[in-house]
Amino acid sequence: MSTTPESRDRVVDAARALSIVVVTLWHWTLSVTHRTADGDLVIPSPIDVVPGGWLPTWVR
């Protein structure tokens, strides 16, 4: 097995890995499915709940 090149920045690798974990947890936490009183299965949108939540969707 070959080693990682010395030119590779480990801090950037760690930041990428942390970002993936944060995004995954954020989606999982805010997109938990549940049943309503009528028995319908729904996935709530955090955009409707978080004040100003729509704003980050416009940033590129």
Protein backbone atom coordinates (compact mmCIF):
# COMPACT_ATOMS: atom_id res chain seq x y z
CA MET A 1 0.00 0.00 0.00
CA SER A 2 1.46 3.37 -0.96
CA THR A 3 1.66 6.28 1.47
CA THR A 4 0.02 9.64 1.11
CA PRO A 5 2.22 12.17 -0.70
CA GLU A 6 4.04 14.68 1.53
CA SER A 7 2.54 17.53 -0.51
CA ARG A 8 -0.98 16.65 0.66
CA ASP A 9 -2.35 19.04 3.30
CA ARG A 10 -3.72 17.03 6.23
CA VAL A 11 -5.60 20.05 7.62
CA VAL A 12 -7.58 20.35 4.40
CA ASP A 13 -8.32 16.61 4.50
CA ALA A 14 -9.57 16.92 8.09
CA ALA A 15 -11.72 19.95 7.20
CA ARG A 16 -13.29 18.03 4.31
CA ALA A 17 -14.00 15.01 6.49
CA LEU A 18 -15.51 17.19 9.22
CA SER A 19 -17.66 19.02 6.65
CA ILE A 20 -19.05 15.73 5.36
CA VAL A 21 -19.93 14.65 8.91
CA VAL A 22 -21.58 17.99 9.74
CA VAL A 23 -23.68 18.03 6.55
CA THR A 24 -24.75 14.43 7.06
CA LEU A 25 -25.77 15.02 10.68
CA TRP A 26 -27.53 18.29 9.80
CA HIS A 27 -29.61 16.59 7.10
CA TRP A 28 -30.39 13.61 9.32
CA THR A 29 -31.34 15.73 12.33
CA LEU A 30 -33.61 18.14 10.49
CA SER A 31 -35.17 15.66 8.08
CA VAL A 32 -36.53 13.04 10.44
CA THR A 33 -39.68 11.49 9.02
CA HIS A 34 -42.74 11.14 11.18
CA ARG A 35 -46.45 10.45 10.92
CA THR A 36 -49.03 13.19 11.33
CA ALA A 37 -52.24 12.82 13.34
CA ASP A 38 -53.92 11.77 10.07
CA GLY A 39 -51.39 8.98 9.59
CA ASP A 40 -49.56 10.62 6.67
CA LEU A 41 -45.80 10.11 6.48
CA VAL A 42 -44.06 13.49 6.21
CA ILE A 43 -40.54 14.86 6.04
CA PRO A 44 -40.45 18.38 7.46
CA SER A 45 -38.44 21.03 5.68
CA PRO A 46 -36.08 22.98 7.95
CA ILE A 47 -36.38 25.91 5.53
CA ASP A 48 -39.91 26.49 6.88
CA VAL A 49 -38.86 26.26 10.53
CA VAL A 50 -35.48 28.03 10.73
CA PRO A 51 -35.82 31.83 10.61
CA GLY A 52 -33.93 33.06 7.56
CA GLY A 53 -33.31 29.44 6.53
CA TRP A 54 -33.96 30.28 2.89
CA LEU A 55 -31.05 32.73 2.82
CA PRO A 56 -28.17 30.19 2.66
CA THR A 57 -29.87 28.48 -0.27
CA TRP A 58 -29.26 31.62 -2.33
CA VAL A 59 -25.55 31.88 -1.51
CA ARG A 60 -23.24 30.30 -4.03
